[in-house]
Amino acid sequence: MTSPLAHIPDLAAWLAASGLAELELRGPAGHVRLVRGRADAVTAAAPAPPAGPARDVVRSPGVGHFLSAHPLRPEPLVGPGDRIAAGQPVGLLRVGDLLVIVTAPVAATVIRVVAQEAALVGYGDSLVEIQPEG
């Protein structure tokens, strides 16, 4: 996968031709945000190389308020040091009256819960940092 930084001229041209005011792309190789008409608003960042063993994050499947525990139970679903299985619930996303279960993509050990309790999160935001097994 190529870095989004290599495609900034193409992205800027597409943005200008589309009539959109803003374009933001996030992916494992980096993040780029372009805002039309504001040269100072163009930002791009590539992630820092990982220090030590590879880590991953569980990302938000949508927009809502992150909950580390079910509203009717005091204990969090996961905490630092917990070993989790693929598909295991690691948090909840409150969307109005609906609770959406957020699951681990792989078997792993929980490093830390990144998202703040009841914080509004967007699609793809980091929720829980994990260390995949193997």
N, C-alpha and C. Protein backbone atom coordinates (compact mmCIF):
# COMPACT_ATOMS: atom_id res chain seq x y z
N MET A 1 0.84 -1.18 0.00
CA MET A 1 0.00 0.00 0.00
C MET A 1 0.89 1.23 0.00
N THR A 2 0.63 2.16 -0.87
CA THR A 2 1.41 3.38 -0.92
C THR A 2 0.91 4.38 0.11
N SER A 3 1.79 5.28 0.48
CA SER A 3 1.45 6.31 1.46
C SER A 3 0.49 7.32 0.84
N PRO A 4 -0.49 7.82 1.62
CA PRO A 4 -1.37 8.85 1.10
C PRO A 4 -0.61 10.12 0.74
N LEU A 5 0.56 10.31 1.32
CA LEU A 5 1.35 11.50 1.03
C LEU A 5 1.77 11.56 -0.44
N ALA A 6 1.93 10.40 -1.06
CA ALA A 6 2.33 10.35 -2.47
C ALA A 6 1.20 10.78 -3.40
N HIS A 7 -0.03 10.81 -2.90
CA HIS A 7 -1.19 11.09 -3.74
C HIS A 7 -1.82 12.46 -3.46
N ILE A 8 -1.17 13.32 -2.70
CA ILE A 8 -1.77 14.61 -2.36
C ILE A 8 -2.11 15.45 -3.59
N PRO A 9 -1.25 15.55 -4.60
CA PRO A 9 -1.63 16.34 -5.79
C PRO A 9 -2.89 15.82 -6.48
N ASP A 10 -3.01 14.49 -6.61
CA ASP A 10 -4.22 13.90 -7.22
C ASP A 10 -5.45 14.17 -6.36
N LEU A 11 -5.30 13.99 -5.05
CA LEU A 11 -6.43 14.21 -4.14
C LEU A 11 -6.89 15.67 -4.17
N ALA A 12 -5.94 16.60 -4.22
CA ALA A 12 -6.28 18.02 -4.28
C ALA A 12 -7.03 18.34 -5.58
N ALA A 13 -6.61 17.74 -6.69
CA ALA A 13 -7.29 17.97 -7.96
C ALA A 13 -8.71 17.40 -7.93
N TRP A 14 -8.88 16.20 -7.37
CA TRP A 14 -10.22 15.60 -7.27
C TRP A 14 -11.11 16.44 -6.37
N LEU A 15 -10.57 16.95 -5.29
CA LEU A 15 -11.34 17.78 -4.37
C LEU A 15 -11.82 19.04 -5.08
N ALA A 16 -10.93 19.70 -5.81
CA ALA A 16 -11.30 20.92 -6.53
C ALA A 16 -12.36 20.64 -7.59
N ALA A 17 -12.24 19.52 -8.29
CA ALA A 17 -13.19 19.19 -9.35
C ALA A 17 -14.55 18.75 -8.80
N SER A 18 -14.57 18.23 -7.59
CA SER A 18 -15.81 17.68 -7.03
C SER A 18 -16.75 18.74 -6.48
N GLY A 19 -16.21 19.88 -6.08
CA GLY A 19 -17.02 20.89 -5.44
C GLY A 19 -17.16 20.67 -3.94
N LEU A 20 -16.56 19.60 -3.42
CA LEU A 20 -16.60 19.36 -1.98
C LEU A 20 -15.71 20.37 -1.26
N ALA A 21 -16.03 20.66 -0.01
CA ALA A 21 -15.25 21.62 0.76
C ALA A 21 -14.09 20.95 1.49
N GLU A 22 -14.22 19.67 1.80
CA GLU A 22 -13.22 19.01 2.62
C GLU A 22 -13.14 17.53 2.28
N LEU A 23 -11.93 16.96 2.38
CA LEU A 23 -11.70 15.54 2.15
C LEU A 23 -10.75 15.05 3.22
N GLU A 24 -11.14 13.99 3.91
CA GLU A 24 -10.27 13.40 4.93
C GLU A 24 -10.24 11.90 4.72
N LEU A 25 -9.04 11.35 4.65
CA LEU A 25 -8.85 9.91 4.46
C LEU A 25 -7.94 9.39 5.56
N ARG A 26 -8.31 8.24 6.13
CA ARG A 26 -7.50 7.59 7.15
C ARG A 26 -7.29 6.15 6.74
N GLY A 27 -6.13 5.65 7.02
CA GLY A 27 -5.83 4.27 6.74
C GLY A 27 -4.62 3.83 7.51
N PRO A 28 -4.25 2.56 7.40
CA PRO A 28 -3.11 2.05 8.17
C PRO A 28 -1.79 2.71 7.77
N ALA A 29 -1.70 3.22 6.54
CA ALA A 29 -0.45 3.85 6.09
C ALA A 29 -0.36 5.32 6.46
N GLY A 30 -1.44 5.92 6.95
CA GLY A 30 -1.39 7.32 7.33
C GLY A 30 -2.74 8.00 7.28
N HIS A 31 -2.70 9.32 7.27
CA HIS A 31 -3.91 10.13 7.37
C HIS A 31 -3.67 11.40 6.57
N VAL A 32 -4.66 11.81 5.78
CA VAL A 32 -4.53 13.06 5.03
C VAL A 32 -5.87 13.79 5.09
N ARG A 33 -5.80 15.12 5.26
CA ARG A 33 -7.00 15.96 5.31
C ARG A 33 -6.75 17.18 4.44
N LEU A 34 -7.63 17.41 3.47
CA LEU A 34 -7.53 18.54 2.57
C LEU A 34 -8.79 19.39 2.73
N VAL A 35 -8.61 20.71 2.82
CA VAL A 35 -9.72 21.64 2.94
C VAL A 35 -9.58 22.64 1.81
N ARG A 36 -10.63 22.76 0.97
CA ARG A 36 -10.59 23.67 -0.17
C ARG A 36 -10.55 25.12 0.26
N GLY A 37 -9.70 25.91 -0.39
CA GLY A 37 -9.65 27.34 -0.15
C GLY A 37 -8.83 27.76 1.04
N ARG A 38 -8.21 26.81 1.74
CA ARG A 38 -7.38 27.13 2.90
C ARG A 38 -6.07 26.36 2.79
N ALA A 39 -5.05 26.99 2.25
CA ALA A 39 -3.77 26.31 2.08
C ALA A 39 -3.19 25.88 3.42
N ASP A 40 -3.48 26.63 4.50
CA ASP A 40 -2.93 26.29 5.80
C ASP A 40 -3.63 25.09 6.43
N ALA A 41 -4.75 24.63 5.87
CA ALA A 41 -5.51 23.54 6.47
C ALA A 41 -5.11 22.18 5.91
N VAL A 42 -4.20 22.14 4.96
CA VAL A 42 -3.76 20.86 4.41
C VAL A 42 -2.80 20.23 5.40
N THR A 43 -3.17 19.07 5.93
CA THR A 43 -2.31 18.37 6.86
C THR A 43 -2.18 16.93 6.42
N ALA A 44 -1.08 16.35 6.73
CA ALA A 44 -0.87 14.94 6.42
C ALA A 44 0.05 14.37 7.47
N ALA A 45 -0.16 13.14 7.83
CA ALA A 45 0.67 12.50 8.83
C ALA A 45 0.80 11.03 8.52
N ALA A 46 1.97 10.51 8.73
CA ALA A 46 2.19 9.09 8.63
C ALA A 46 2.46 8.59 10.05
N PRO A 47 2.00 7.39 10.37
CA PRO A 47 2.21 6.91 11.73
C PRO A 47 3.68 6.68 12.03
N ALA A 48 4.04 6.86 13.29
CA ALA A 48 5.41 6.59 13.71
C ALA A 48 5.65 5.09 13.65
N PRO A 49 6.87 4.68 13.33
CA PRO A 49 7.12 3.24 13.30
C PRO A 49 6.92 2.66 14.70
N PRO A 50 6.36 1.45 14.76
CA PRO A 50 6.09 0.85 16.07
C PRO A 50 7.38 0.57 16.83
N ALA A 51 7.35 0.84 18.12
CA ALA A 51 8.48 0.53 18.98
C ALA A 51 8.17 -0.79 19.67
N GLY A 52 8.98 -1.79 19.43
CA GLY A 52 8.75 -3.08 20.06
C GLY A 52 7.80 -3.93 19.24
N PRO A 53 7.14 -4.89 19.91
CA PRO A 53 6.25 -5.80 19.20
C PRO A 53 5.08 -5.06 18.55
N ALA A 54 4.57 -5.64 17.47
CA ALA A 54 3.47 -5.02 16.73
C ALA A 54 2.23 -4.92 17.61
N ARG A 55 1.59 -3.74 17.57
CA ARG A 55 0.34 -3.52 18.29
C ARG A 55 -0.72 -3.16 17.29
N ASP A 56 -1.95 -3.32 17.70
CA ASP A 56 -3.08 -3.02 16.83
C ASP A 56 -4.13 -2.32 17.68
N VAL A 57 -5.18 -1.85 17.06
CA VAL A 57 -6.27 -1.23 17.80
C VAL A 57 -7.59 -1.77 17.31
N VAL A 58 -8.55 -1.80 18.22
CA VAL A 58 -9.93 -2.10 17.86
C VAL A 58 -10.53 -0.75 17.51
N ARG A 59 -11.12 -0.64 16.33
CA ARG A 59 -11.66 0.63 15.85
C ARG A 59 -13.18 0.66 15.94
N SER A 60 -13.69 1.86 16.03
CA SER A 60 -15.13 2.06 16.13
C SER A 60 -15.83 1.66 14.83
N PRO A 61 -16.91 0.87 14.93
CA PRO A 61 -17.64 0.49 13.72
C PRO A 61 -18.62 1.56 13.25
N GLY A 62 -18.71 2.67 13.98
CA GLY A 62 -19.63 3.73 13.59
C GLY A 62 -19.51 4.93 14.51
N VAL A 63 -20.50 5.80 14.45
CA VAL A 63 -20.53 7.01 15.27
C VAL A 63 -21.42 6.76 16.48
N GLY A 64 -20.95 7.15 17.65
CA GLY A 64 -21.74 6.98 18.87
C GLY A 64 -20.89 7.30 20.08
N HIS A 65 -21.41 6.98 21.24
CA HIS A 65 -20.70 7.21 22.50
C HIS A 65 -20.13 5.88 22.98
N PHE A 66 -18.81 5.86 23.24
CA PHE A 66 -18.14 4.63 23.65
C PHE A 66 -18.42 4.33 25.12
N LEU A 67 -18.76 3.07 25.39
CA LEU A 67 -18.96 2.61 26.76
C LEU A 67 -18.06 1.41 26.99
N SER A 68 -17.30 1.40 28.09
CA SER A 68 -16.42 0.27 28.40
C SER A 68 -17.17 -0.83 29.14
N ALA A 69 -18.36 -0.52 29.64
CA ALA A 69 -19.18 -1.50 30.37
C ALA A 69 -20.64 -1.34 29.96
N HIS A 70 -21.39 -2.40 30.16
CA HIS A 70 -22.84 -2.31 29.92
C HIS A 70 -23.44 -1.38 30.97
N PRO A 71 -24.41 -0.55 30.60
CA PRO A 71 -24.99 0.40 31.56
C PRO A 71 -25.58 -0.24 32.82
N LEU A 72 -25.95 -1.52 32.76
CA LEU A 72 -26.54 -2.18 33.92
C LEU A 72 -25.52 -2.99 34.73
N ARG A 73 -24.25 -2.93 34.33
CA ARG A 73 -23.20 -3.69 35.04
C ARG A 73 -22.03 -2.76 35.34
N PRO A 74 -21.47 -2.84 36.53
CA PRO A 74 -20.39 -1.92 36.89
C PRO A 74 -19.03 -2.28 36.31
N GLU A 75 -18.78 -3.57 36.04
CA GLU A 75 -17.44 -3.97 35.62
C GLU A 75 -17.24 -3.76 34.12
N PRO A 76 -16.05 -3.25 33.72
CA PRO A 76 -15.77 -3.07 32.29
C PRO A 76 -15.66 -4.41 31.58
N LEU A 77 -15.92 -4.41 30.29
CA LEU A 77 -15.85 -5.63 29.50
C LEU A 77 -14.43 -6.16 29.42
N VAL A 78 -13.45 -5.26 29.29
CA VAL A 78 -12.04 -5.65 29.25
C VAL A 78 -11.20 -4.60 29.96
N GLY A 79 -10.01 -5.02 30.36
CA GLY A 79 -9.06 -4.10 30.99
C GLY A 79 -7.65 -4.47 30.59
N PRO A 80 -6.68 -3.63 30.90
CA PRO A 80 -5.29 -3.91 30.56
C PRO A 80 -4.84 -5.27 31.10
N GLY A 81 -4.18 -6.02 30.23
CA GLY A 81 -3.68 -7.34 30.60
C GLY A 81 -4.64 -8.48 30.31
N ASP A 82 -5.90 -8.19 30.04
CA ASP A 82 -6.87 -9.25 29.73
C ASP A 82 -6.54 -9.91 28.40
N ARG A 83 -6.64 -11.24 28.37
CA ARG A 83 -6.51 -11.98 27.11
C ARG A 83 -7.91 -12.10 26.53
N ILE A 84 -8.03 -11.78 25.25
CA ILE A 84 -9.33 -11.79 24.60
C ILE A 84 -9.29 -12.67 23.35
N ALA A 85 -10.45 -13.22 23.02
CA ALA A 85 -10.58 -14.07 21.82
C ALA A 85 -11.13 -13.23 20.67
N ALA A 86 -10.88 -13.67 19.46
CA ALA A 86 -11.47 -13.02 18.29
C ALA A 86 -12.98 -13.07 18.43
N GLY A 87 -13.63 -11.93 18.22
CA GLY A 87 -15.08 -11.86 18.33
C GLY A 87 -15.60 -11.54 19.71
N GLN A 88 -14.71 -11.47 20.69
CA GLN A 88 -15.13 -11.16 22.06
C GLN A 88 -15.49 -9.68 22.19
N PRO A 89 -16.56 -9.34 22.91
CA PRO A 89 -16.89 -7.93 23.12
C PRO A 89 -15.81 -7.21 23.93
N VAL A 90 -15.42 -6.02 23.47
CA VAL A 90 -14.43 -5.21 24.18
C VAL A 90 -15.00 -3.85 24.57
N GLY A 91 -16.20 -3.55 24.12
CA GLY A 91 -16.84 -2.29 24.44
C GLY A 91 -18.20 -2.22 23.77
N LEU A 92 -18.87 -1.10 24.01
CA LEU A 92 -20.18 -0.87 23.41
C LEU A 92 -20.20 0.53 22.82
N LEU A 93 -21.01 0.68 21.80
CA LEU A 93 -21.20 1.98 21.16
C LEU A 93 -22.67 2.34 21.33
N ARG A 94 -22.93 3.43 22.07
CA ARG A 94 -24.32 3.85 22.27
C ARG A 94 -24.70 4.79 21.13
N VAL A 95 -25.69 4.37 20.37
CA VAL A 95 -26.22 5.16 19.26
C VAL A 95 -27.69 5.39 19.56
N GLY A 96 -27.99 6.55 20.15
CA GLY A 96 -29.34 6.80 20.61
C GLY A 96 -29.65 5.83 21.74
N ASP A 97 -30.74 5.06 21.60
CA ASP A 97 -31.11 4.06 22.59
C ASP A 97 -30.50 2.69 22.29
N LEU A 98 -29.81 2.57 21.17
CA LEU A 98 -29.25 1.30 20.72
C LEU A 98 -27.83 1.13 21.26
N LEU A 99 -27.49 -0.08 21.69
CA LEU A 99 -26.13 -0.43 22.07
C LEU A 99 -25.56 -1.39 21.04
N VAL A 100 -24.47 -1.01 20.40
CA VAL A 100 -23.80 -1.83 19.39
C VAL A 100 -22.58 -2.45 20.04
N ILE A 101 -22.44 -3.75 19.93
CA ILE A 101 -21.29 -4.44 20.52
C ILE A 101 -20.07 -4.23 19.63
N VAL A 102 -18.95 -3.86 20.25
CA VAL A 102 -17.67 -3.71 19.55
C VAL A 102 -16.84 -4.93 19.92
N THR A 103 -16.41 -5.68 18.92
CA THR A 103 -15.69 -6.94 19.17
C THR A 103 -14.24 -6.87 18.74
N ALA A 104 -13.44 -7.74 19.32
CA ALA A 104 -12.03 -7.85 18.96
C ALA A 104 -11.90 -8.53 17.60
N PRO A 105 -11.06 -8.00 16.72
CA PRO A 105 -10.89 -8.62 15.40
C PRO A 105 -10.06 -9.89 15.44
N VAL A 106 -9.17 -10.02 16.45
CA VAL A 106 -8.26 -11.16 16.56
C VAL A 106 -8.07 -11.50 18.03
N ALA A 107 -7.54 -12.69 18.29
CA ALA A 107 -7.15 -13.04 19.65
C ALA A 107 -5.97 -12.16 20.04
N ALA A 108 -6.01 -11.61 21.26
CA ALA A 108 -4.99 -10.64 21.63
C ALA A 108 -4.97 -10.44 23.14
N THR A 109 -4.05 -9.60 23.58
CA THR A 109 -4.00 -9.13 24.96
C THR A 109 -4.30 -7.64 24.94
N VAL A 110 -5.15 -7.19 25.84
CA VAL A 110 -5.51 -5.78 25.91
C VAL A 110 -4.34 -5.00 26.51
N ILE A 111 -3.91 -3.95 25.80
CA ILE A 111 -2.86 -3.07 26.30
C ILE A 111 -3.50 -1.95 27.12
N ARG A 112 -4.47 -1.27 26.52
CA ARG A 112 -5.17 -0.20 27.22
C ARG A 112 -6.44 0.17 26.46
N VAL A 113 -7.39 0.73 27.18
CA VAL A 113 -8.59 1.27 26.56
C VAL A 113 -8.25 2.72 26.19
N VAL A 114 -8.29 3.02 24.90
CA VAL A 114 -7.87 4.33 24.38
C VAL A 114 -8.99 5.37 24.52
N ALA A 115 -10.20 5.00 24.17
CA ALA A 115 -11.31 5.94 24.16
C ALA A 115 -11.75 6.27 25.59
N GLN A 116 -12.11 7.51 25.81
CA GLN A 116 -12.63 7.93 27.11
C GLN A 116 -14.06 7.44 27.27
N GLU A 117 -14.44 7.16 28.49
CA GLU A 117 -15.79 6.68 28.79
C GLU A 117 -16.83 7.70 28.35
N ALA A 118 -17.82 7.25 27.62
CA ALA A 118 -18.95 8.06 27.12
C ALA A 118 -18.53 9.11 26.10
N ALA A 119 -17.29 9.02 25.60
CA ALA A 119 -16.83 9.99 24.60
C ALA A 119 -17.51 9.72 23.26
N LEU A 120 -17.79 10.78 22.53
CA LEU A 120 -18.32 10.66 21.18
C LEU A 120 -17.18 10.24 20.27
N VAL A 121 -17.35 9.12 19.58
CA VAL A 121 -16.33 8.60 18.67
C VAL A 121 -16.92 8.51 17.27
N GLY A 122 -16.05 8.55 16.28
CA GLY A 122 -16.46 8.44 14.89
C GLY A 122 -16.03 7.11 14.30
N TYR A 123 -16.50 6.85 13.12
CA TYR A 123 -16.15 5.62 12.41
C TYR A 123 -14.63 5.52 12.27
N GLY A 124 -14.07 4.41 12.69
CA GLY A 124 -12.64 4.16 12.54
C GLY A 124 -11.78 4.69 13.67
N ASP A 125 -12.37 5.40 14.63
CA ASP A 125 -11.57 5.91 15.75
C ASP A 125 -11.05 4.75 16.59
N SER A 126 -9.86 4.93 17.17
CA SER A 126 -9.26 3.92 18.04
C SER A 126 -10.01 3.84 19.35
N LEU A 127 -10.35 2.61 19.75
CA LEU A 127 -11.07 2.41 21.01
C LEU A 127 -10.23 1.66 22.03
N VAL A 128 -9.65 0.53 21.61
CA VAL A 128 -8.88 -0.32 22.52
C VAL A 128 -7.58 -0.72 21.82
N GLU A 129 -6.45 -0.51 22.49
CA GLU A 129 -5.15 -0.94 21.95
C GLU A 129 -4.91 -2.39 22.38
N ILE A 130 -4.52 -3.22 21.42
CA ILE A 130 -4.31 -4.64 21.70
C ILE A 130 -2.97 -5.11 21.15
N GLN A 131 -2.49 -6.22 21.71
CA GLN A 131 -1.29 -6.90 21.23
C GLN A 131 -1.75 -8.25 20.69
N PRO A 132 -1.84 -8.40 19.35
CA PRO A 132 -2.31 -9.67 18.78
C PRO A 132 -1.40 -10.83 19.20
N GLU A 133 -1.99 -11.99 19.35
CA GLU A 133 -1.21 -13.18 19.67
C GLU A 133 -0.45 -13.66 18.44
N GLY A 134 0.72 -14.22 18.69
CA GLY A 134 1.51 -14.76 17.57
C GLY A 134 2.22 -13.71 16.90
